[in-house]
Structures are given as structure tokens and as C-alpha cells.
């Protein structure tokens, strides 16, 4: 496993899903699909995404 960072490549909006995929060694597409499906359930998904956007550091050059 790697550190939890938002990569420079492979990001669509903020890189949160791509960073989670790198951290857990899985596909970014899978993480994005799971996130989109979770939006159908009630809960704070958007708030969690925004919090991760703020908390996760960007990948350095």
C-alpha cells in the first residue's frame, strides 16, 4: 500500500477516487462506480468526498 495522496494523473474531478484506488491497489473506475452507486443511498457521501478533497495532500512533482 502507498500513502494516501491525490495523484496528478488519472484524476477526473479532484483525484480522491484515484488516490483511494492507488492506496488500496484497485481500479479507479471501480472506486468511482462504487461511489456513484453509494449516492443512491442516504448518507453523507458528498461531505465525505469534500472532506477527503481537503485532507488528502496533492502528489508532489
Protein backbone atom coordinates (compact mmCIF):
# COMPACT_ATOMS: atom_id res chain seq x y z
CA UNK A 1 0.00 0.00 0.00
CA UNK A 2 1.08 3.55 -0.67
CA UNK A 3 0.41 6.81 1.07
CA UNK A 4 -2.99 8.40 0.72
CA UNK A 5 -2.39 11.16 -1.86
CA UNK A 6 -4.26 12.72 -4.77
CA UNK A 7 -2.24 11.85 -7.89
CA UNK A 8 -1.52 14.31 -10.68
CA UNK A 9 -2.58 11.80 -13.36
CA UNK A 10 -5.80 9.86 -13.57
CA UNK A 11 -7.97 12.38 -11.77
CA UNK A 12 -11.38 13.39 -13.04
CA UNK A 13 -12.64 15.94 -10.51
CA UNK A 14 -10.27 16.19 -7.57
CA UNK A 15 -8.37 12.91 -7.63
CA UNK A 16 -9.97 11.49 -4.49
CA UNK A 17 -11.16 8.27 -6.14
CA UNK A 18 -7.85 7.85 -7.97
CA UNK A 19 -5.97 8.34 -4.70
CA UNK A 20 -8.12 5.79 -2.90
CA UNK A 21 -7.58 3.34 -5.77
CA UNK A 22 -3.81 3.75 -5.52
CA UNK A 23 -3.91 3.35 -1.74
CA UNK A 24 -5.89 0.11 -1.87
CA UNK A 25 -4.32 -1.23 -5.10
CA UNK A 26 -7.54 -1.39 -7.09
CA UNK A 27 -9.03 0.20 -10.18
CA UNK A 28 -10.02 3.87 -10.06
CA UNK A 29 -13.03 3.01 -12.21
CA UNK A 30 -14.22 0.52 -9.60
CA UNK A 31 -13.92 3.13 -6.83
CA UNK A 32 -15.82 5.67 -8.95
CA UNK A 33 -18.63 3.20 -9.71
CA UNK A 34 -18.94 2.24 -6.03
CA UNK A 35 -19.07 5.93 -5.09
CA UNK A 36 -21.75 6.65 -7.70
CA UNK A 37 -23.82 3.68 -6.55
CA UNK A 38 -23.48 4.81 -2.95
CA UNK A 39 -25.07 8.12 -3.97
CA UNK A 40 -28.36 6.20 -4.30
CA UNK A 41 -28.30 5.52 -0.56
CA UNK A 42 -29.00 8.15 2.07
CA UNK A 43 -25.93 9.45 3.84
CA UNK A 44 -23.13 11.99 3.86
CA UNK A 45 -21.27 10.78 0.76
CA UNK A 46 -20.75 14.26 -0.69
CA UNK A 47 -19.47 15.58 2.64
CA UNK A 48 -17.02 12.69 2.93
CA UNK A 49 -15.77 13.31 -0.62
CA UNK A 50 -15.30 17.03 0.10
CA UNK A 51 -13.51 16.27 3.37
CA UNK A 52 -11.14 13.86 1.61
CA UNK A 53 -10.53 16.50 -1.08
CA UNK A 54 -9.39 18.92 1.61
CA UNK A 55 -7.49 16.41 3.79
CA UNK A 56 -5.65 14.38 1.12
CA UNK A 57 -2.42 16.08 0.00
CA UNK A 58 -1.57 16.51 -3.68
CA UNK A 59 1.18 14.43 -5.20
CA UNK A 60 4.44 16.34 -5.37
CA UNK A 61 6.20 16.94 -8.66
